Structure formats: C-alpha cells, structure tokens
Amino acid sequence: MIQLLLAVIYLSFISLGLPDSLLGSAWPVMYSGLNVPVSYAGIISMIIAAGTVVSSLQSDRLTKKFGPGKVTAFSVAMTAVALLGFSFSHTFWALCLWAVPYGLGAGSVDASLNNYVALHYASRHMSWLHCMWGLGASIGPYVMSFALTGGQGWNMGYRYIGIFQVVLSAIIFFSLPLWKKPGNDDKDGEGNKAPESPLTLRQIVKIPGAKEVMICFFCYCALEQTAGLWASSYLVLHRGILAETAASYASLFYLGITVGRAVSGFLTIRFSDRTMVRIGQAVIALGILILFLPLKTPFFSLLALVLIGLGCAPVYPCIIHSTPDHFGADKSQAIIGVQMASAYVGTCLMPPLFGLLARSISITLFPVFLLFLLALMFLMHEKLYKA
C-alpha cells in the first residue's frame, strides 16, 4: 500500500511541474492574440507567485485541519480548474483571474507533499520526486508545442494539461484511504501527539533556526531562477556566443538539475542531507568560479552552467527532507510552509533585481550576483546547525 501511495505522490510531483513552463513556452503566441505587451507575462507570473506565497503560509493550518491527502487532492483539483479556465480564456484579465486559484493550489500541494515525504520516506525519494518535477516541467513545453504545431492554439495546450490534472485529482481522491495510517490519526510522523492549533508566522519565526532556513531557501531559489533566466543573456552579451547556441547552453542548466536529482537520490543512501547540501554548494561554487575565468572557449561556459545545475540538484530537496529531523515532526509542516513562501519570494524579487543591475551597471555582474547568493546561503545553512 505504501508503494502505491508513493506512485501517486510521484505522479503529483510530475503534475506540479507540468504547468510551470507552459506560460513561458506559449507566451510568444499568446500576447499578440491577447493584444497586450510582451512584458505582461510578468503580471500573470506575479499573481501566481503571490497565490503560492499565501497558500504556503496557510499550509500548516490546512494540513492540520484536513490532512495531507485531502489538501493535495483539493489543491490539484483547484489547479486543474484554473488550467481549464486558462484554456477557455481569450482576454488578458481572464488569465489574471484564473491565475489566482492556480497559485493558491500550487502552493498548498507543494508544501503539503514536501512535508509528507520528509516525514514518511527516505531522502532518496525526496530527490527523485523533485526530479519528477523537472520531468513534468520538461514535458509541458512539448505538450504546448504539439498543440501549437497542430494548429490547435495555445488554449488546447492548457486544456490537455488541465485534463491530465483532472484525472490526477480523481486518482488522489480515490487514494485518500492510503494517506491515513491506522492508529496514528492524531499523531505526527514520529508518533508524538501533534499540536492542536497551527503555529502563527510570528511563532514560527521565533523558533531557533527558522530565520536561517528561510533565508537559505530565499537564496537558493533566487540563485536558481537568476541563473536560469539570465544565463543566455550573459553568454551572448559578455561572452559573445551566438544567441541560438546560448539558448541551448542555458537549457542544459535545467537538464543538470533534473539529472543531478536523479543521481542525488542514490548518493543520499550513503551521505547525510547536510553533506549533500554542502557537496551541492561546492559544485555550484566551482561552476561560478569558472564563469569568472577569462576563458573564451564556449565549452567552459557550457561546463560552468552544467556544474551550477548539478550543484543545485541536491540543495532544495535535502534541506526540505532534513526539516523534521532539525525542527521536529510536530513543527515540520509549519516550517516547510514558510520555506516554500520564502522560496517563492526569492524567485519573484531577485531575478528582476539582477535585471536592473545588468541594465544600470553591467551584465558582467552575473557571476558576482550568483556568488553573493551562494555565500549567504552557505552561511545561513551552517548557522542553521548551530541554532
């Protein structure tokens, strides 16, 4: 039974990644049909991100009241409705409206699933599950491309993914009995009595180590998103690499994350979460240092991006998996909720901030910016274990 539930959770992580890359892949076609500027994609992304922050912060309250299975099922259902709403929309403001339930659903399921896996499964499964997210994020653009090249339009691309989410939602609803462990209805993952009331944000922040882990997640996601968004521009404007070549190099950054998480799952069998995070940070540092070197051969730029991607791979899942051990299973859902919220805030704020720095000063600050985020993340992660 536990393996059957694990299969459902794997499917859920794929579903988390499927919609994430749809907007970016379809927007070049969407914005002209909607008669809005190309920059308006940022508005939709910000609405989705705001929804994920709100629902992540409420995940502790929701999970304690309804349980992780129901929260996951309803969240996936909400995301499915939002995607179907996207598929029937023909105005920009309609997309903004449907972005609200999309963000709220995504944040809840992300925080709830991560905590459930951290409590009940080994670290390797956390890495492999986040690898499944990468698989979903990779499949999404292909589904959209199939719809666009077939003359069906971007609406059908969203509809295909929305239908998949509806089916997945039904599967999760039918699997609800699997989420309930006999004789453990009111206990946490360690068999301890779970607190009756959820923790407030003020209470969470006062927990030793909470601020450090929040900054850790903020820095990690800021680094990952900044690297993914600005790598191509850096290679073209500073290294003089052709735009087409730079785009393919940047895609290998995400491939490095996905492949790295598959490999990390095996490495966690031997190494602890803390060691895996340190290994990842060291590999990221090596990749960034290569960017600093005045090497004109494109191969070294490619190597740097792949190393940064590989280094990113174990950091996110291993910090999440170590949360119950570090803070206690009774507080893990609340902590993971604020971790997710911090991650989304970093994703929203830091890539645009680097864009401003690149425009005002120079794109050559790219490796400096990444190194600053890595250094702060490293310091906070080390401080976390002293809290």
Protein backbone atom coordinates (compact mmCIF):
# COMPACT_ATOMS: atom_id res chain seq x y z
CA MET A 1 0.00 0.00 0.00
CA ILE A 2 2.80 2.41 0.89
CA GLN A 3 4.38 1.82 -2.53
CA LEU A 4 1.05 2.51 -4.24
CA LEU A 5 0.78 5.81 -2.36
CA LEU A 6 4.37 6.64 -3.33
CA ALA A 7 3.42 6.15 -7.00
CA VAL A 8 0.53 8.60 -6.54
CA ILE A 9 2.91 11.12 -4.95
CA TYR A 10 5.35 10.71 -7.85
CA LEU A 11 2.51 11.49 -10.28
CA SER A 12 1.60 14.51 -8.16
CA PHE A 13 5.14 15.89 -8.43
CA ILE A 14 5.06 15.46 -12.21
CA SER A 15 1.77 17.38 -12.22
CA LEU A 16 3.41 20.18 -10.19
CA GLY A 17 5.99 20.69 -12.93
CA LEU A 18 3.71 20.32 -15.97
CA PRO A 19 2.06 23.79 -15.84
CA ASP A 20 5.15 25.71 -14.64
CA SER A 21 6.73 26.02 -18.08
CA LEU A 22 3.52 26.44 -20.10
CA LEU A 23 3.27 30.23 -19.84
CA GLY A 24 6.85 30.80 -20.97
CA SER A 25 6.57 28.42 -23.92
CA ALA A 26 3.20 29.75 -25.11
CA TRP A 27 3.55 33.48 -24.36
CA PRO A 28 5.20 34.45 -27.69
CA VAL A 29 1.96 33.31 -29.34
CA MET A 30 -0.41 34.36 -26.56
CA TYR A 31 0.46 38.04 -26.09
CA SER A 32 -0.17 39.04 -29.70
CA GLY A 33 -3.56 37.34 -29.72
CA LEU A 34 -4.46 38.98 -26.42
CA ASN A 35 -3.33 42.41 -27.71
CA VAL A 36 -1.09 43.10 -24.71
CA PRO A 37 2.64 44.00 -24.44
CA VAL A 38 5.08 41.10 -24.18
CA SER A 39 6.05 42.26 -20.67
CA TYR A 40 2.56 41.42 -19.33
CA ALA A 41 3.64 37.81 -18.79
CA GLY A 42 5.32 39.14 -15.64
CA ILE A 43 1.95 40.27 -14.26
CA ILE A 44 0.47 36.78 -14.59
CA SER A 45 3.60 35.24 -13.05
CA MET A 46 3.47 37.65 -10.11
CA ILE A 47 -0.20 36.82 -9.41
CA ILE A 48 0.59 33.11 -9.46
CA ALA A 49 3.60 33.63 -7.20
CA ALA A 50 1.57 35.75 -4.75
CA GLY A 51 -1.01 32.97 -4.54
CA THR A 52 1.66 30.38 -3.83
CA VAL A 53 3.13 32.50 -1.03
CA VAL A 54 -0.28 32.92 0.63
CA SER A 55 -1.21 29.23 0.39
CA SER A 56 2.24 28.09 1.52
CA LEU A 57 1.91 30.18 4.68
CA GLN A 58 -1.53 28.60 5.30
CA SER A 59 -0.36 25.03 4.63
CA ASP A 60 0.18 24.24 8.32
CA ARG A 61 -3.36 25.32 9.22
CA LEU A 62 -4.92 23.48 6.27
CA THR A 63 -2.95 20.26 6.73
CA LYS A 64 -3.72 20.05 10.44
CA LYS A 65 -7.42 20.56 9.74
CA PHE A 66 -7.90 18.36 6.68
CA GLY A 67 -4.82 16.13 6.44
CA PRO A 68 -2.19 15.98 3.66
CA GLY A 69 -4.23 13.71 1.38
CA LYS A 70 -7.27 15.98 1.22
CA VAL A 71 -5.15 19.12 0.90
CA THR A 72 -3.26 17.55 -2.01
CA ALA A 73 -6.44 16.35 -3.72
CA PHE A 74 -8.28 19.66 -3.39
CA SER A 75 -5.20 21.64 -4.39
CA VAL A 76 -4.65 19.60 -7.54
CA ALA A 77 -8.36 19.95 -8.32
CA MET A 78 -8.10 23.72 -7.88
CA THR A 79 -5.08 23.81 -10.20
CA ALA A 80 -6.98 21.71 -12.75
CA VAL A 81 -9.93 24.11 -12.70
CA ALA A 82 -7.56 27.06 -13.12
CA LEU A 83 -5.79 25.45 -16.10
CA LEU A 84 -9.11 24.66 -17.75
CA GLY A 85 -10.05 28.27 -17.07
CA PHE A 86 -6.90 29.35 -18.89
CA SER A 87 -7.85 27.12 -21.81
CA PHE A 88 -11.22 28.84 -22.25
CA SER A 89 -9.88 32.39 -21.75
CA HIS A 90 -9.49 34.87 -24.57
CA THR A 91 -8.63 38.05 -22.63
CA PHE A 92 -5.68 39.02 -20.50
CA TRP A 93 -7.83 39.88 -17.49
CA ALA A 94 -9.46 36.45 -17.59
CA LEU A 95 -5.98 34.90 -17.37
CA CYS A 96 -5.22 37.12 -14.36
CA LEU A 97 -8.42 35.90 -12.71
CA TRP A 98 -7.61 32.22 -13.24
CA ALA A 99 -4.02 32.80 -12.08
CA VAL A 100 -5.36 33.27 -8.53
CA PRO A 101 -6.66 29.70 -7.96
CA TYR A 102 -3.69 28.36 -9.91
CA GLY A 103 -1.23 29.96 -7.47
CA LEU A 104 -3.27 29.05 -4.38
CA GLY A 105 -3.50 25.41 -5.46
CA ALA A 106 0.17 25.09 -6.40
CA GLY A 107 1.47 26.48 -3.10
CA SER A 108 -0.70 24.24 -0.91
CA VAL A 109 0.12 21.00 -2.70
CA ASP A 110 3.83 21.83 -2.84
CA ALA A 111 4.18 22.46 0.90
CA SER A 112 1.90 19.60 1.96
CA LEU A 113 3.52 16.96 -0.27
CA ASN A 114 7.06 18.01 0.65
CA ASN A 115 6.29 17.69 4.35
CA TYR A 116 4.56 14.33 3.94
CA VAL A 117 7.50 12.87 2.03
CA ALA A 118 10.01 14.37 4.51
CA LEU A 119 8.14 12.66 7.37
CA HIS A 120 7.45 9.25 5.86
CA TYR A 121 10.05 8.49 3.18
CA ALA A 122 13.83 8.29 2.84
CA SER A 123 15.87 11.20 1.49
CA ARG A 124 16.40 9.48 -1.87
CA HIS A 125 12.69 9.69 -2.59
CA MET A 126 12.72 13.45 -1.98
CA SER A 127 15.46 13.86 -4.59
CA TRP A 128 13.74 11.59 -7.08
CA LEU A 129 10.40 13.31 -6.53
CA HIS A 130 11.91 16.68 -7.31
CA CYS A 131 13.48 15.04 -10.35
CA MET A 132 9.89 14.16 -11.34
CA TRP A 133 9.03 17.85 -11.07
CA GLY A 134 11.80 18.54 -13.57
CA LEU A 135 10.39 15.84 -15.84
CA GLY A 136 6.97 17.48 -15.71
CA ALA A 137 8.46 20.91 -16.40
CA SER A 138 10.23 19.42 -19.43
CA ILE A 139 7.11 17.70 -20.78
CA GLY A 140 4.92 20.82 -20.52
CA PRO A 141 6.55 22.72 -23.42
CA TYR A 142 6.32 19.63 -25.63
CA VAL A 143 2.58 19.40 -24.96
CA MET A 144 2.21 23.09 -25.81
CA SER A 145 4.36 22.66 -28.92
CA PHE A 146 2.16 19.74 -30.04
CA ALA A 147 -0.94 21.92 -29.72
CA LEU A 148 0.64 24.90 -31.50
CA THR A 149 2.20 22.98 -34.39
CA GLY A 150 -1.05 21.07 -34.86
CA GLY A 151 -2.89 24.34 -35.36
CA GLN A 152 -4.97 23.86 -32.20
CA GLY A 153 -3.74 27.03 -30.48
CA TRP A 154 -2.32 27.68 -27.02
CA ASN A 155 -5.74 27.18 -25.41
CA MET A 156 -5.65 23.49 -26.28
CA GLY A 157 -2.17 23.16 -24.79
CA TYR A 158 -3.55 24.33 -21.45
CA ARG A 159 -6.61 22.12 -21.90
CA TYR A 160 -4.52 18.98 -22.36
CA ILE A 161 -2.63 19.67 -19.14
CA GLY A 162 -5.86 20.64 -17.37
CA ILE A 163 -7.47 17.31 -18.32
CA PHE A 164 -4.43 15.45 -17.01
CA GLN A 165 -4.78 17.34 -13.71
CA VAL A 166 -8.47 16.41 -13.50
CA VAL A 167 -7.60 12.72 -13.92
CA LEU A 168 -4.82 13.01 -11.34
CA SER A 169 -7.17 14.76 -8.94
CA ALA A 170 -9.61 11.84 -9.23
CA ILE A 171 -6.78 9.35 -8.59
CA ILE A 172 -5.74 11.25 -5.45
CA PHE A 173 -9.33 11.36 -4.16
CA PHE A 174 -9.60 7.58 -4.61
CA SER A 175 -6.25 7.15 -2.83
CA LEU A 176 -7.29 9.09 0.30
CA PRO A 177 -7.58 5.94 2.48
CA LEU A 178 -3.89 5.25 1.78
CA TRP A 179 -2.85 8.54 3.39
CA LYS A 180 -4.38 7.63 6.75
CA LYS A 181 -2.16 5.46 8.91
CA PRO A 182 -4.09 3.19 11.31
CA GLY A 183 -3.82 4.21 14.96
CA ASN A 184 -1.97 7.39 14.05
CA ASP A 185 -4.84 9.73 13.27
CA ASP A 186 -3.89 12.49 15.66
CA LYS A 187 -0.13 11.99 15.73
CA ASP A 188 2.76 13.34 13.75
CA GLY A 189 5.24 11.31 11.69
CA GLU A 190 7.18 10.24 14.82
CA GLY A 191 4.17 9.09 16.79
CA ASN A 192 4.16 12.17 19.01
CA LYS A 193 0.96 13.98 19.79
CA ALA A 194 0.56 16.71 17.18
CA PRO A 195 -0.25 20.25 18.39
CA GLU A 196 -3.95 21.07 18.27
CA SER A 197 -3.56 24.57 16.85
CA PRO A 198 -1.37 25.65 13.93
CA LEU A 199 1.60 27.90 14.54
CA THR A 200 1.36 31.56 13.57
CA LEU A 201 4.03 33.21 11.44
CA ARG A 202 5.31 35.11 14.48
CA GLN A 203 5.66 31.87 16.44
CA ILE A 204 7.42 30.16 13.54
CA VAL A 205 9.97 32.95 13.13
CA LYS A 206 10.86 32.68 16.85
CA ILE A 207 11.80 29.01 16.50
CA PRO A 208 15.63 28.66 16.61
CA GLY A 209 16.93 28.19 13.08
CA ALA A 210 13.70 29.26 11.33
CA LYS A 211 15.04 32.60 10.09
CA GLU A 212 18.23 30.93 8.85
CA VAL A 213 16.39 28.26 6.87
CA MET A 214 14.02 30.87 5.39
CA ILE A 215 16.98 32.91 4.13
CA CYS A 216 18.54 29.68 2.86
CA PHE A 217 15.51 28.96 0.68
CA PHE A 218 15.24 32.57 -0.43
CA CYS A 219 18.87 32.49 -1.62
CA TYR A 220 18.66 29.08 -3.26
CA CYS A 221 15.60 29.86 -5.37
CA ALA A 222 16.93 33.34 -6.17
CA LEU A 223 20.17 31.75 -7.41
CA GLU A 224 18.41 29.03 -9.43
CA GLN A 225 15.95 31.39 -11.10
CA THR A 226 18.51 34.12 -11.78
CA ALA A 227 20.87 31.58 -13.36
CA GLY A 228 18.10 30.11 -15.48
CA LEU A 229 16.71 33.47 -16.61
CA TRP A 230 19.91 35.42 -17.29
CA ALA A 231 22.43 32.77 -18.38
CA SER A 232 21.66 33.18 -22.09
CA SER A 233 21.87 36.97 -21.95
CA TYR A 234 25.20 36.78 -20.10
CA LEU A 235 26.68 34.38 -22.65
CA VAL A 236 25.52 36.49 -25.60
CA LEU A 237 26.34 39.96 -24.27
CA HIS A 238 29.55 39.20 -22.39
CA ARG A 239 30.98 36.03 -23.90
CA GLY A 240 29.94 36.81 -27.48
CA ILE A 241 28.26 33.45 -28.01
CA LEU A 242 25.55 33.21 -30.68
CA ALA A 243 22.02 33.55 -29.29
CA GLU A 244 20.95 30.13 -30.61
CA THR A 245 23.97 28.46 -29.01
CA ALA A 246 23.47 30.34 -25.74
CA ALA A 247 19.84 29.21 -25.54
CA SER A 248 20.85 25.57 -25.84
CA TYR A 249 23.55 26.08 -23.19
CA ALA A 250 21.03 27.61 -20.80
CA SER A 251 18.68 24.65 -21.27
CA LEU A 252 21.49 22.36 -20.10
CA PHE A 253 21.40 24.18 -16.75
CA TYR A 254 17.91 22.75 -16.14
CA LEU A 255 18.96 19.39 -17.53
CA GLY A 256 21.78 19.44 -14.96
CA ILE A 257 19.26 19.96 -12.16
CA THR A 258 16.99 17.15 -13.36
CA VAL A 259 19.78 14.62 -13.96
CA GLY A 260 21.53 15.75 -10.78
CA ARG A 261 18.47 14.99 -8.68
CA ALA A 262 18.21 11.52 -10.16
CA VAL A 263 21.85 10.89 -9.21
CA SER A 264 21.44 12.59 -5.81
CA GLY A 265 18.80 10.04 -4.88
CA PHE A 266 21.44 7.31 -4.98
CA LEU A 267 24.06 9.44 -3.20
CA THR A 268 21.71 10.12 -0.27
CA ILE A 269 21.85 6.41 0.54
CA ARG A 270 25.46 6.96 1.62
CA PHE A 271 25.62 10.65 2.56
CA SER A 272 23.54 12.67 5.02
CA ASP A 273 21.30 15.55 3.93
CA ARG A 274 23.73 18.06 5.43
CA THR A 275 26.66 16.57 3.49
CA MET A 276 24.64 16.50 0.27
CA VAL A 277 23.82 20.20 0.62
CA ARG A 278 27.49 21.00 1.19
CA ILE A 279 28.51 18.94 -1.86
CA GLY A 280 25.93 20.78 -3.94
CA GLN A 281 27.13 24.18 -2.75
CA ALA A 282 30.74 23.25 -3.54
CA VAL A 283 29.81 22.22 -7.09
CA ILE A 284 27.84 25.46 -7.58
CA ALA A 285 30.88 27.42 -6.39
CA LEU A 286 33.10 25.61 -8.88
CA GLY A 287 30.72 26.45 -11.72
CA ILE A 288 30.56 30.13 -10.72
CA LEU A 289 34.36 30.35 -10.42
CA ILE A 290 34.71 29.04 -13.99
CA LEU A 291 32.48 31.92 -15.13
CA PHE A 292 34.95 34.34 -13.53
CA LEU A 293 37.85 32.97 -15.59
CA PRO A 294 38.67 34.88 -18.81
CA LEU A 295 38.19 31.79 -20.98
CA LYS A 296 36.90 32.45 -24.50
CA THR A 297 36.19 28.83 -25.44
CA PRO A 298 32.41 28.25 -25.29
CA PHE A 299 32.97 24.80 -23.78
CA PHE A 300 33.93 26.33 -20.43
CA SER A 301 30.73 28.40 -20.30
CA LEU A 302 28.78 25.22 -21.01
CA LEU A 303 30.69 23.39 -18.29
CA ALA A 304 30.03 26.19 -15.80
CA LEU A 305 26.25 26.13 -16.36
CA VAL A 306 26.06 22.35 -16.17
CA LEU A 307 28.04 22.38 -12.91
CA ILE A 308 25.80 25.07 -11.41
CA GLY A 309 22.75 22.98 -12.38
CA LEU A 310 24.25 19.78 -10.95
CA GLY A 311 25.16 21.64 -7.76
CA CYS A 312 21.64 23.00 -7.38
CA ALA A 313 20.18 19.49 -7.64
CA PRO A 314 20.57 18.21 -4.05
CA VAL A 315 20.21 21.51 -2.17
CA TYR A 316 16.44 22.08 -2.29
CA PRO A 317 15.22 18.51 -1.65
CA CYS A 318 17.83 17.72 1.01
CA ILE A 319 17.12 20.83 3.09
CA ILE A 320 13.40 20.02 2.94
CA HIS A 321 13.96 16.39 3.91
CA SER A 322 16.08 17.38 6.92
CA THR A 323 13.36 19.71 8.26
CA PRO A 324 11.55 17.17 10.51
CA ASP A 325 14.85 15.97 11.97
CA HIS A 326 16.03 19.51 12.67
CA PHE A 327 12.82 21.17 13.88
CA GLY A 328 10.73 18.18 14.96
CA ALA A 329 7.92 16.44 13.11
CA ASP A 330 5.30 18.44 15.02
CA LYS A 331 6.64 21.71 13.57
CA SER A 332 7.79 20.50 10.14
CA GLN A 333 4.64 21.43 8.21
CA ALA A 334 4.73 24.99 9.54
CA ILE A 335 8.47 25.33 8.80
CA ILE A 336 8.15 23.85 5.30
CA GLY A 337 5.27 26.23 4.62
CA VAL A 338 7.42 29.29 5.35
CA GLN A 339 10.32 27.70 3.44
CA MET A 340 8.10 27.45 0.35
CA ALA A 341 6.91 31.03 0.84
CA SER A 342 10.50 32.27 1.18
CA ALA A 343 11.46 30.36 -1.95
CA TYR A 344 8.69 31.99 -4.00
CA VAL A 345 9.61 35.45 -2.68
CA GLY A 346 13.22 34.89 -3.76
CA THR A 347 12.01 33.72 -7.17
CA CYS A 348 9.90 36.86 -7.60
CA LEU A 349 12.32 39.51 -6.38
CA MET A 350 15.89 38.60 -7.20
CA PRO A 351 15.88 37.85 -10.96
CA PRO A 352 14.24 41.24 -11.71
CA LEU A 353 16.71 42.90 -9.32
CA PHE A 354 19.62 41.46 -11.29
CA GLY A 355 17.94 42.72 -14.46
CA LEU A 356 18.04 46.22 -13.03
CA LEU A 357 21.70 45.82 -12.06
CA ALA A 358 22.58 44.48 -15.51
CA ARG A 359 20.86 47.42 -17.19
CA SER A 360 22.23 50.07 -14.82
CA ILE A 361 25.77 48.71 -14.38
CA SER A 362 26.76 45.66 -16.43
CA ILE A 363 25.72 42.11 -17.31
CA THR A 364 29.22 41.06 -16.18
CA LEU A 365 27.90 41.16 -12.60
CA PHE A 366 26.14 37.85 -13.28
CA PRO A 367 28.71 35.57 -11.57
CA VAL A 368 29.20 38.15 -8.77
CA PHE A 369 25.46 38.15 -8.07
CA LEU A 370 25.33 34.34 -8.04
CA LEU A 371 28.36 34.12 -5.76
CA PHE A 372 26.81 36.56 -3.29
CA LEU A 373 23.62 34.47 -3.10
CA LEU A 374 25.63 31.26 -2.71
CA ALA A 375 27.81 32.72 0.06
CA LEU A 376 24.77 33.93 2.02
CA MET A 377 23.04 30.57 1.55
CA PHE A 378 26.15 28.73 2.76
CA LEU A 379 26.47 30.93 5.86
CA MET A 380 22.79 30.50 6.76
CA HIS A 381 22.91 26.74 6.25
CA GLU A 382 25.93 26.40 8.52
CA LYS A 383 24.36 28.71 11.08
CA LEU A 384 21.19 26.60 10.96
CA TYR A 385 23.01 23.65 12.51
CA LYS A 386 24.32 25.84 15.32
CA ALA A 387 20.89 27.25 16.18
